[in-house]
Amino acid sequence: LERTQKATSENLDSLKSLTALQPIFAQGHFLAEKTIFLKAKTHQGKSGVYVLSVFQTQGGKHLLVQRGWAPYEITALPQGDLKVEGVL
């Protein structure tokens, strides 16, 4: 975990191979109609959904982005060219 926290994020589109727990970033956009809602998830005593969305990078790769918990199905996606960061 400490190695991951200290590592510099790399652009996913420029990587030749992937490593578990590798910090990455990607630029691109979320794909409309490619969101998954895991229903009946409870957070702090409230029912809701867990939101997962597909993100397409500028290089054409696809990521499943864990967007978190919401009290209802969120159908509006962040728009435009975006940068996402995370750990593989």
PDB file of N, CA and C in Angstrom:
ATOM      1  N   LEU A   1       0.823  -1.189   0.000  1.00  0.00           N
ATOM      2  CA  LEU A   1       0.000   0.000   0.000  1.00  0.00           C
ATOM      3  C   LEU A   1       0.871   1.259   0.000  1.00  0.00           C
ATOM      4  N   GLU A   2       1.913   1.274   0.793  1.00  0.00           N
ATOM      5  CA  GLU A   2       2.788   2.444   0.850  1.00  0.00           C
ATOM      6  C   GLU A   2       3.460   2.695  -0.498  1.00  0.00           C
ATOM      7  N   ARG A   3       3.856   1.626  -1.187  1.00  0.00           N
ATOM      8  CA  ARG A   3       4.477   1.752  -2.513  1.00  0.00           C
ATOM      9  C   ARG A   3       3.496   2.396  -3.484  1.00  0.00           C
ATOM     10  N   THR A   4       2.233   2.002  -3.416  1.00  0.00           N
ATOM     11  CA  THR A   4       1.199   2.552  -4.295  1.00  0.00           C
ATOM     12  C   THR A   4       0.984   4.023  -4.016  1.00  0.00           C
ATOM     13  N   GLN A   5       0.962   4.417  -2.754  1.00  0.00           N
ATOM     14  CA  GLN A   5       0.724   5.804  -2.380  1.00  0.00           C
ATOM     15  C   GLN A   5       1.860   6.716  -2.833  1.00  0.00           C
ATOM     16  N   LYS A   6       3.076   6.221  -2.891  1.00  0.00           N
ATOM     17  CA  LYS A   6       4.227   7.032  -3.272  1.00  0.00           C
ATOM     18  C   LYS A   6       4.484   7.034  -4.779  1.00  0.00           C
ATOM     19  N   ALA A   7       3.900   6.084  -5.496  1.00  0.00           N
ATOM     20  CA  ALA A   7       4.136   5.961  -6.938  1.00  0.00           C
ATOM     21  C   ALA A   7       3.445   7.091  -7.694  1.00  0.00           C
ATOM     22  N   THR A   8       4.046   7.501  -8.790  1.00  0.00           N
ATOM     23  CA  THR A   8       3.484   8.532  -9.648  1.00  0.00           C
ATOM     24  C   THR A   8       2.450   7.899 -10.580  1.00  0.00           C
ATOM     25  N   SER A   9       1.325   8.579 -10.756  1.00  0.00           N
ATOM     26  CA  SER A   9       0.296   8.099 -11.681  1.00  0.00           C
ATOM     27  C   SER A   9       0.818   8.151 -13.106  1.00  0.00           C
ATOM     28  N   GLU A  10       0.476   7.120 -13.890  1.00  0.00           N
ATOM     29  CA  GLU A  10       0.885   7.070 -15.291  1.00  0.00           C
ATOM     30  C   GLU A  10      -0.351   7.056 -16.176  1.00  0.00           C
ATOM     31  N   ASN A  11      -0.204   7.599 -17.381  1.00  0.00           N
ATOM     32  CA  ASN A  11      -1.306   7.637 -18.327  1.00  0.00           C
ATOM     33  C   ASN A  11      -1.594   6.220 -18.814  1.00  0.00           C
ATOM     34  N   LEU A  12      -2.818   5.766 -18.625  1.00  0.00           N
ATOM     35  CA  LEU A  12      -3.200   4.409 -19.010  1.00  0.00           C
ATOM     36  C   LEU A  12      -2.949   4.144 -20.491  1.00  0.00           C
ATOM     37  N   ASP A  13      -3.200   5.128 -21.337  1.00  0.00           N
ATOM     38  CA  ASP A  13      -3.028   4.933 -22.774  1.00  0.00           C
ATOM     39  C   ASP A  13      -1.574   4.741 -23.193  1.00  0.00           C
ATOM     40  N   SER A  14      -0.628   5.135 -22.350  1.00  0.00           N
ATOM     41  CA  SER A  14       0.786   4.988 -22.716  1.00  0.00           C
ATOM     42  C   SER A  14       1.434   3.733 -22.135  1.00  0.00           C
ATOM     43  N   LEU A  15       0.708   2.989 -21.309  1.00  0.00           N
ATOM     44  CA  LEU A  15       1.271   1.790 -20.679  1.00  0.00           C
ATOM     45  C   LEU A  15       1.242   0.596 -21.622  1.00  0.00           C
ATOM     46  N   LYS A  16       2.317  -0.152 -21.646  1.00  0.00           N
ATOM     47  CA  LYS A  16       2.404  -1.361 -22.470  1.00  0.00           C
ATOM     48  C   LYS A  16       1.891  -2.587 -21.701  1.00  0.00           C
ATOM     49  N   SER A  17       2.047  -2.564 -20.379  1.00  0.00           N
ATOM     50  CA  SER A  17       1.536  -3.655 -19.543  1.00  0.00           C
ATOM     51  C   SER A  17       0.965  -3.057 -18.261  1.00  0.00           C
ATOM     52  N   LEU A  18       0.091  -3.809 -17.608  1.00  0.00           N
ATOM     53  CA  LEU A  18      -0.569  -3.331 -16.399  1.00  0.00           C
ATOM     54  C   LEU A  18      -0.096  -4.131 -15.196  1.00  0.00           C
ATOM     55  N   THR A  19      -0.030  -3.451 -14.068  1.00  0.00           N
ATOM     56  CA  THR A  19       0.400  -4.067 -12.822  1.00  0.00           C
ATOM     57  C   THR A  19      -0.673  -3.825 -11.768  1.00  0.00           C
ATOM     58  N   ALA A  20      -0.958  -4.822 -10.963  1.00  0.00           N
ATOM     59  CA  ALA A  20      -1.938  -4.670  -9.890  1.00  0.00           C
ATOM     60  C   ALA A  20      -1.519  -3.543  -8.953  1.00  0.00           C
ATOM     61  N   LEU A  21      -2.474  -2.782  -8.500  1.00  0.00           N
ATOM     62  CA  LEU A  21      -2.299  -1.667  -7.579  1.00  0.00           C
ATOM     63  C   LEU A  21      -1.428  -0.546  -8.156  1.00  0.00           C
ATOM     64  N   GLN A  22      -1.458  -0.404  -9.466  1.00  0.00           N
ATOM     65  CA  GLN A  22      -0.686   0.625 -10.147  1.00  0.00           C
ATOM     66  C   GLN A  22      -1.517   1.911 -10.239  1.00  0.00           C
ATOM     67  N   PRO A  23      -0.985   3.047  -9.757  1.00  0.00           N
ATOM     68  CA  PRO A  23      -1.707   4.315  -9.896  1.00  0.00           C
ATOM     69  C   PRO A  23      -1.716   4.751 -11.363  1.00  0.00           C
ATOM     70  N   ILE A  24      -2.900   5.106 -11.860  1.00  0.00           N
ATOM     71  CA  ILE A  24      -3.021   5.514 -13.262  1.00  0.00           C
ATOM     72  C   ILE A  24      -3.928   6.743 -13.354  1.00  0.00           C
ATOM     73  N   PHE A  25      -3.875   7.378 -14.520  1.00  0.00           N
ATOM     74  CA  PHE A  25      -4.877   8.376 -14.856  1.00  0.00           C
ATOM     75  C   PHE A  25      -5.246   8.160 -16.308  1.00  0.00           C
ATOM     76  N   ALA A  26      -6.397   8.658 -16.691  1.00  0.00           N
ATOM     77  CA  ALA A  26      -6.847   8.536 -18.074  1.00  0.00           C
ATOM     78  C   ALA A  26      -7.690   9.748 -18.417  1.00  0.00           C
ATOM     79  N   GLN A  27      -7.587  10.178 -19.660  1.00  0.00           N
ATOM     80  CA  GLN A  27      -8.417  11.269 -20.141  1.00  0.00           C
ATOM     81  C   GLN A  27      -9.373  10.707 -21.179  1.00  0.00           C
ATOM     82  N   GLY A  28     -10.612  11.184 -21.144  1.00  0.00           N
ATOM     83  CA  GLY A  28     -11.617  10.686 -22.065  1.00  0.00           C
ATOM     84  C   GLY A  28     -13.000  11.104 -21.617  1.00  0.00           C
ATOM     85  N   HIS A  29     -13.977  10.206 -21.785  1.00  0.00           N
ATOM     86  CA  HIS A  29     -15.351  10.528 -21.445  1.00  0.00           C
ATOM     87  C   HIS A  29     -16.127   9.271 -21.043  1.00  0.00           C
ATOM     88  N   PHE A  30     -17.186   9.498 -20.261  1.00  0.00           N
ATOM     89  CA  PHE A  30     -18.075   8.406 -19.889  1.00  0.00           C
ATOM     90  C   PHE A  30     -18.982   8.095 -21.069  1.00  0.00           C
ATOM     91  N   LEU A  31     -19.306   6.828 -21.245  1.00  0.00           N
ATOM     92  CA  LEU A  31     -20.183   6.398 -22.329  1.00  0.00           C
ATOM     93  C   LEU A  31     -21.632   6.394 -21.853  1.00  0.00           C
ATOM     94  N   ALA A  32     -22.481   7.094 -22.592  1.00  0.00           N
ATOM     95  CA  ALA A  32     -23.905   7.122 -22.267  1.00  0.00           C
ATOM     96  C   ALA A  32     -24.466   5.700 -22.393  1.00  0.00           C
ATOM     97  N   GLU A  33     -25.422   5.381 -21.571  1.00  0.00           N
ATOM     98  CA  GLU A  33     -26.072   4.061 -21.588  1.00  0.00           C
ATOM     99  C   GLU A  33     -25.160   2.931 -21.114  1.00  0.00           C
ATOM    100  N   LYS A  34     -24.034   3.232 -20.523  1.00  0.00           N
ATOM    101  CA  LYS A  34     -23.116   2.195 -20.048  1.00  0.00           C
ATOM    102  C   LYS A  34     -22.870   2.363 -18.545  1.00  0.00           C
ATOM    103  N   THR A  35     -23.962   2.469 -17.792  1.00  0.00           N
ATOM    104  CA  THR A  35     -23.880   2.596 -16.342  1.00  0.00           C
ATOM    105  C   THR A  35     -24.601   1.418 -15.706  1.00  0.00           C
ATOM    106  N   ILE A  36     -24.010   0.880 -14.661  1.00  0.00           N
ATOM    107  CA  ILE A  36     -24.568  -0.259 -13.936  1.00  0.00           C
ATOM    108  C   ILE A  36     -24.942   0.214 -12.532  1.00  0.00           C
ATOM    109  N   PHE A  37     -26.138  -0.158 -12.089  1.00  0.00           N
ATOM    110  CA  PHE A  37     -26.583   0.176 -10.736  1.00  0.00           C
ATOM    111  C   PHE A  37     -26.743  -1.117  -9.945  1.00  0.00           C
ATOM    112  N   LEU A  38     -25.979  -1.264  -8.894  1.00  0.00           N
ATOM    113  CA  LEU A  38     -26.125  -2.415  -7.993  1.00  0.00           C
ATOM    114  C   LEU A  38     -27.131  -1.996  -6.932  1.00  0.00           C
ATOM    115  N   LYS A  39     -28.319  -2.573  -7.004  1.00  0.00           N
ATOM    116  CA  LYS A  39     -29.421  -2.136  -6.159  1.00  0.00           C
ATOM    117  C   LYS A  39     -29.368  -2.738  -4.762  1.00  0.00           C
ATOM    118  N   ALA A  40     -30.174  -2.125  -3.905  1.00  0.00           N
ATOM    119  CA  ALA A  40     -30.363  -2.586  -2.530  1.00  0.00           C
ATOM    120  C   ALA A  40     -29.079  -2.537  -1.717  1.00  0.00           C
ATOM    121  N   LYS A  41     -28.279  -1.519  -1.954  1.00  0.00           N
ATOM    122  CA  LYS A  41     -27.091  -1.314  -1.141  1.00  0.00           C
ATOM    123  C   LYS A  41     -27.430  -0.306  -0.044  1.00  0.00           C
ATOM    124  N   THR A  42     -27.012  -0.576   1.167  1.00  0.00           N
ATOM    125  CA  THR A  42     -27.300   0.304   2.284  1.00  0.00           C
ATOM    126  C   THR A  42     -26.029   1.040   2.692  1.00  0.00           C
ATOM    127  N   HIS A  43     -26.177   2.339   2.920  1.00  0.00           N
ATOM    128  CA  HIS A  43     -25.063   3.178   3.372  1.00  0.00           C
ATOM    129  C   HIS A  43     -25.593   4.076   4.477  1.00  0.00           C
ATOM    130  N   GLN A  44     -25.017   3.991   5.646  1.00  0.00           N
ATOM    131  CA  GLN A  44     -25.435   4.768   6.816  1.00  0.00           C
ATOM    132  C   GLN A  44     -26.941   4.644   7.075  1.00  0.00           C
ATOM    133  N   GLY A  45     -27.443   3.416   6.931  1.00  0.00           N
ATOM    134  CA  GLY A  45     -28.833   3.127   7.228  1.00  0.00           C
ATOM    135  C   GLY A  45     -29.825   3.492   6.136  1.00  0.00           C
ATOM    136  N   LYS A  46     -29.353   3.988   4.994  1.00  0.00           N
ATOM    137  CA  LYS A  46     -30.252   4.378   3.906  1.00  0.00           C
ATOM    138  C   LYS A  46     -30.073   3.438   2.726  1.00  0.00           C
ATOM    139  N   SER A  47     -31.182   3.084   2.069  1.00  0.00           N
ATOM    140  CA  SER A  47     -31.123   2.241   0.876  1.00  0.00           C
ATOM    141  C   SER A  47     -30.736   3.081  -0.325  1.00  0.00           C
ATOM    142  N   GLY A  48     -30.042   2.446  -1.266  1.00  0.00           N
ATOM    143  CA  GLY A  48     -29.641   3.155  -2.469  1.00  0.00           C
ATOM    144  C   GLY A  48     -29.015   2.210  -3.464  1.00  0.00           C
ATOM    145  N   VAL A  49     -28.186   2.754  -4.334  1.00  0.00           N
ATOM    146  CA  VAL A  49     -27.525   1.978  -5.373  1.00  0.00           C
ATOM    147  C   VAL A  49     -26.032   2.289  -5.375  1.00  0.00           C
ATOM    148  N   TYR A  50     -25.263   1.348  -5.868  1.00  0.00           N
ATOM    149  CA  TYR A  50     -23.837   1.534  -6.069  1.00  0.00           C
ATOM    150  C   TYR A  50     -23.663   1.782  -7.563  1.00  0.00           C
ATOM    151  N   VAL A  51     -22.964   2.838  -7.955  1.00  0.00           N
ATOM    152  CA  VAL A  51     -22.909   3.277  -9.351  1.00  0.00           C
ATOM    153  C   VAL A  51     -21.557   2.927  -9.988  1.00  0.00           C
ATOM    154  N   LEU A  52     -21.600   2.208 -11.106  1.00  0.00           N
ATOM    155  CA  LEU A  52     -20.422   1.864 -11.901  1.00  0.00           C
ATOM    156  C   LEU A  52     -20.673   2.356 -13.326  1.00  0.00           C
ATOM    157  N   SER A  53     -19.700   3.054 -13.926  1.00  0.00           N
ATOM    158  CA  SER A  53     -19.862   3.579 -15.284  1.00  0.00           C
ATOM    159  C   SER A  53     -18.652   3.242 -16.133  1.00  0.00           C
ATOM    160  N   VAL A  54     -18.889   3.067 -17.433  1.00  0.00           N
ATOM    161  CA  VAL A  54     -17.809   2.792 -18.379  1.00  0.00           C
ATOM    162  C   VAL A  54     -17.241   4.111 -18.888  1.00  0.00           C
ATOM    163  N   PHE A  55     -15.911   4.204 -18.848  1.00  0.00           N
ATOM    164  CA  PHE A  55     -15.174   5.393 -19.271  1.00  0.00           C
ATOM    165  C   PHE A  55     -14.291   4.993 -20.444  1.00  0.00           C
ATOM    166  N   GLN A  56     -14.367   5.744 -21.541  1.00  0.00           N
ATOM    167  CA  GLN A  56     -13.526   5.468 -22.708  1.00  0.00           C
ATOM    168  C   GLN A  56     -12.398   6.490 -22.754  1.00  0.00           C
ATOM    169  N   THR A  57     -11.165   5.986 -22.814  1.00  0.00           N
ATOM    170  CA  THR A  57     -10.007   6.875 -22.851  1.00  0.00           C
ATOM    171  C   THR A  57      -9.830   7.444 -24.258  1.00  0.00           C
ATOM    172  N   GLN A  58      -9.008   8.473 -24.353  1.00  0.00           N
ATOM    173  CA  GLN A  58      -8.722   9.076 -25.656  1.00  0.00           C
ATOM    174  C   GLN A  58      -8.076   8.063 -26.591  1.00  0.00           C
ATOM    175  N   GLY A  59      -7.369   7.089 -26.037  1.00  0.00           N
ATOM    176  CA  GLY A  59      -6.726   6.051 -26.832  1.00  0.00           C
ATOM    177  C   GLY A  59      -7.632   4.876 -27.156  1.00  0.00           C
ATOM    178  N   GLY A  60      -8.894   4.926 -26.747  1.00  0.00           N
ATOM    179  CA  GLY A  60      -9.853   3.880 -27.075  1.00  0.00           C
ATOM    180  C   GLY A  60      -9.973   2.750 -26.079  1.00  0.00           C
ATOM    181  N   LYS A  61      -9.282   2.821 -24.943  1.00  0.00           N
ATOM    182  CA  LYS A  61      -9.416   1.786 -23.912  1.00  0.00           C
ATOM    183  C   LYS A  61     -10.662   2.073 -23.080  1.00  0.00           C
ATOM    184  N   HIS A  62     -11.162   1.031 -22.413  1.00  0.00           N
ATOM    185  CA  HIS A  62     -12.352   1.170 -21.580  1.00  0.00           C
ATOM    186  C   HIS A  62     -12.040   0.807 -20.138  1.00  0.00           C
ATOM    187  N   LEU A  63     -12.576   1.601 -19.226  1.00  0.00           N
ATOM    188  CA  LEU A  63     -12.419   1.370 -17.788  1.00  0.00           C
ATOM    189  C   LEU A  63     -13.794   1.268 -17.158  1.00  0.00           C
ATOM    190  N   LEU A  64     -13.932   0.414 -16.181  1.00  0.00           N
ATOM    191  CA  LEU A  64     -15.136   0.390 -15.366  1.00  0.00           C
ATOM    192  C   LEU A  64     -14.824   1.215 -14.133  1.00  0.00           C
ATOM    193  N   VAL A  65     -15.465   2.379 -14.015  1.00  0.00           N
ATOM    194  CA  VAL A  65     -15.169   3.321 -12.935  1.00  0.00           C
ATOM    195  C   VAL A  65     -16.203   3.170 -11.833  1.00  0.00           C
ATOM    196  N   GLN A  66     -15.720   2.946 -10.640  1.00  0.00           N
ATOM    197  CA  GLN A  66     -16.561   2.851  -9.454  1.00  0.00           C
ATOM    198  C   GLN A  66     -16.863   4.282  -8.999  1.00  0.00           C
ATOM    199  N   ARG A  67     -18.097   4.740  -9.229  1.00  0.00           N
ATOM    200  CA  ARG A  67     -18.458   6.122  -8.921  1.00  0.00           C
ATOM    201  C   ARG A  67     -19.002   6.285  -7.509  1.00  0.00           C
ATOM    202  N   GLY A  68     -19.292   5.186  -6.821  1.00  0.00           N
ATOM    203  CA  GLY A  68     -19.723   5.274  -5.435  1.00  0.00           C
ATOM    204  C   GLY A  68     -21.199   4.996  -5.219  1.00  0.00           C
ATOM    205  N   TRP A  69     -21.664   5.284  -4.013  1.00  0.00           N
ATOM    206  CA  TRP A  69     -23.037   5.029  -3.588  1.00  0.00           C
ATOM    207  C   TRP A  69     -23.898   6.262  -3.842  1.00  0.00           C
ATOM    208  N   ALA A  70     -25.173   6.049  -4.165  1.00  0.00           N
ATOM    209  CA  ALA A  70     -26.128   7.146  -4.328  1.00  0.00           C
ATOM    210  C   ALA A  70     -27.480   6.693  -3.795  1.00  0.00           C
ATOM    211  N   PRO A  71     -28.301   7.631  -3.331  1.00  0.00           N
ATOM    212  CA  PRO A  71     -29.609   7.249  -2.796  1.00  0.00           C
ATOM    213  C   PRO A  71     -30.608   6.837  -3.879  1.00  0.00           C
ATOM    214  N   TYR A  72     -30.274   7.034  -5.150  1.00  0.00           N
ATOM    215  CA  TYR A  72     -31.149   6.679  -6.261  1.00  0.00           C
ATOM    216  C   TYR A  72     -30.294   6.519  -7.517  1.00  0.00           C
ATOM    217  N   GLU A  73     -30.880   5.990  -8.582  1.00  0.00           N
ATOM    218  CA  GLU A  73     -30.137   5.800  -9.825  1.00  0.00           C
ATOM    219  C   GLU A  73     -29.821   7.152 -10.459  1.00  0.00           C
ATOM    220  N   ILE A  74     -28.554   7.443 -10.612  1.00  0.00           N
ATOM    221  CA  ILE A  74     -28.109   8.699 -11.210  1.00  0.00           C
ATOM    222  C   ILE A  74     -27.938   8.453 -12.705  1.00  0.00           C
ATOM    223  N   THR A  75     -28.779   9.073 -13.512  1.00  0.00           N
ATOM    224  CA  THR A  75     -28.701   8.833 -14.946  1.00  0.00           C
ATOM    225  C   THR A  75     -27.845   9.868 -15.665  1.00  0.00           C
ATOM    226  N   ALA A  76     -27.649  11.043 -15.075  1.00  0.00           N
ATOM    227  CA  ALA A  76     -26.818  12.073 -15.702  1.00  0.00           C
ATOM    228  C   ALA A  76     -25.346  11.776 -15.422  1.00  0.00           C
ATOM    229  N   LEU A  77     -24.550  11.770 -16.482  1.00  0.00           N
ATOM    230  CA  LEU A  77     -23.118  11.529 -16.350  1.00  0.00           C
ATOM    231  C   LEU A  77     -22.357  12.842 -16.401  1.00  0.00           C
ATOM    232  N   PRO A  78     -21.174  12.893 -15.785  1.00  0.00           N
ATOM    233  CA  PRO A  78     -20.320  14.057 -15.994  1.00  0.00           C
ATOM    234  C   PRO A  78     -20.041  14.182 -17.496  1.00  0.00           C
ATOM    235  N   GLN A  79     -20.093  15.389 -18.033  1.00  0.00           N
ATOM    236  CA  GLN A  79     -19.975  15.598 -19.476  1.00  0.00           C
ATOM    237  C   GLN A  79     -18.603  16.150 -19.866  1.00  0.00           C
ATOM    238  N   GLY A  80     -18.282  15.981 -21.135  1.00  0.00           N
ATOM    239  CA  GLY A  80     -17.074  16.561 -21.714  1.00  0.00           C
ATOM    240  C   GLY A  80     -15.846  15.694 -21.518  1.00  0.00           C
ATOM    241  N   ASP A  81     -14.702  16.272 -21.889  1.00  0.00           N
ATOM    242  CA  ASP A  81     -13.427  15.588 -21.742  1.00  0.00           C
ATOM    243  C   ASP A  81     -13.017  15.659 -20.276  1.00  0.00           C
ATOM    244  N   LEU A  82     -12.807  14.499 -19.668  1.00  0.00           N
ATOM    245  CA  LEU A  82     -12.523  14.411 -18.232  1.00  0.00           C
ATOM    246  C   LEU A  82     -11.230  13.674 -17.984  1.00  0.00           C
ATOM    247  N   LYS A  83     -10.694  13.864 -16.802  1.00  0.00           N
ATOM    248  CA  LYS A  83      -9.537  13.111 -16.345  1.00  0.00           C
ATOM    249  C   LYS A  83      -9.960  12.342 -15.100  1.00  0.00           C
ATOM    250  N   VAL A  84      -9.759  11.024 -15.122  1.00  0.00           N
ATOM    251  CA  VAL A  84     -10.022  10.204 -13.947  1.00  0.00           C
ATOM    252  C   VAL A  84      -8.689   9.652 -13.444  1.00  0.00           C
ATOM    253  N   GLU A  85      -8.582   9.519 -12.138  1.00  0.00           N
ATOM    254  CA  GLU A  85      -7.375   8.966 -11.521  1.00  0.00           C
ATOM    255  C   GLU A  85      -7.775   7.880 -10.559  1.00  0.00           C
ATOM    256  N   GLY A  86      -6.923   6.864 -10.454  1.00  0.00           N
ATOM    257  CA  GLY A  86      -7.230   5.794  -9.528  1.00  0.00           C
ATOM    258  C   GLY A  86      -6.130   4.748  -9.513  1.00  0.00           C
ATOM    259  N   VAL A  87      -6.470   3.614  -8.956  1.00  0.00           N
ATOM    260  CA  VAL A  87      -5.534   2.501  -8.818  1.00  0.00           C
ATOM    261  C   VAL A  87      -6.155   1.294  -9.516  1.00  0.00           C
ATOM    262  N   LEU A  88      -5.362   0.631 -10.366  1.00  0.00           N
ATOM    263  CA  LEU A  88      -5.842  -0.576 -11.053  1.00  0.00           C
ATOM    264  C   LEU A  88      -6.002  -1.706 -10.079  1.00  0.00           C
TER     265      LEU A  88
END
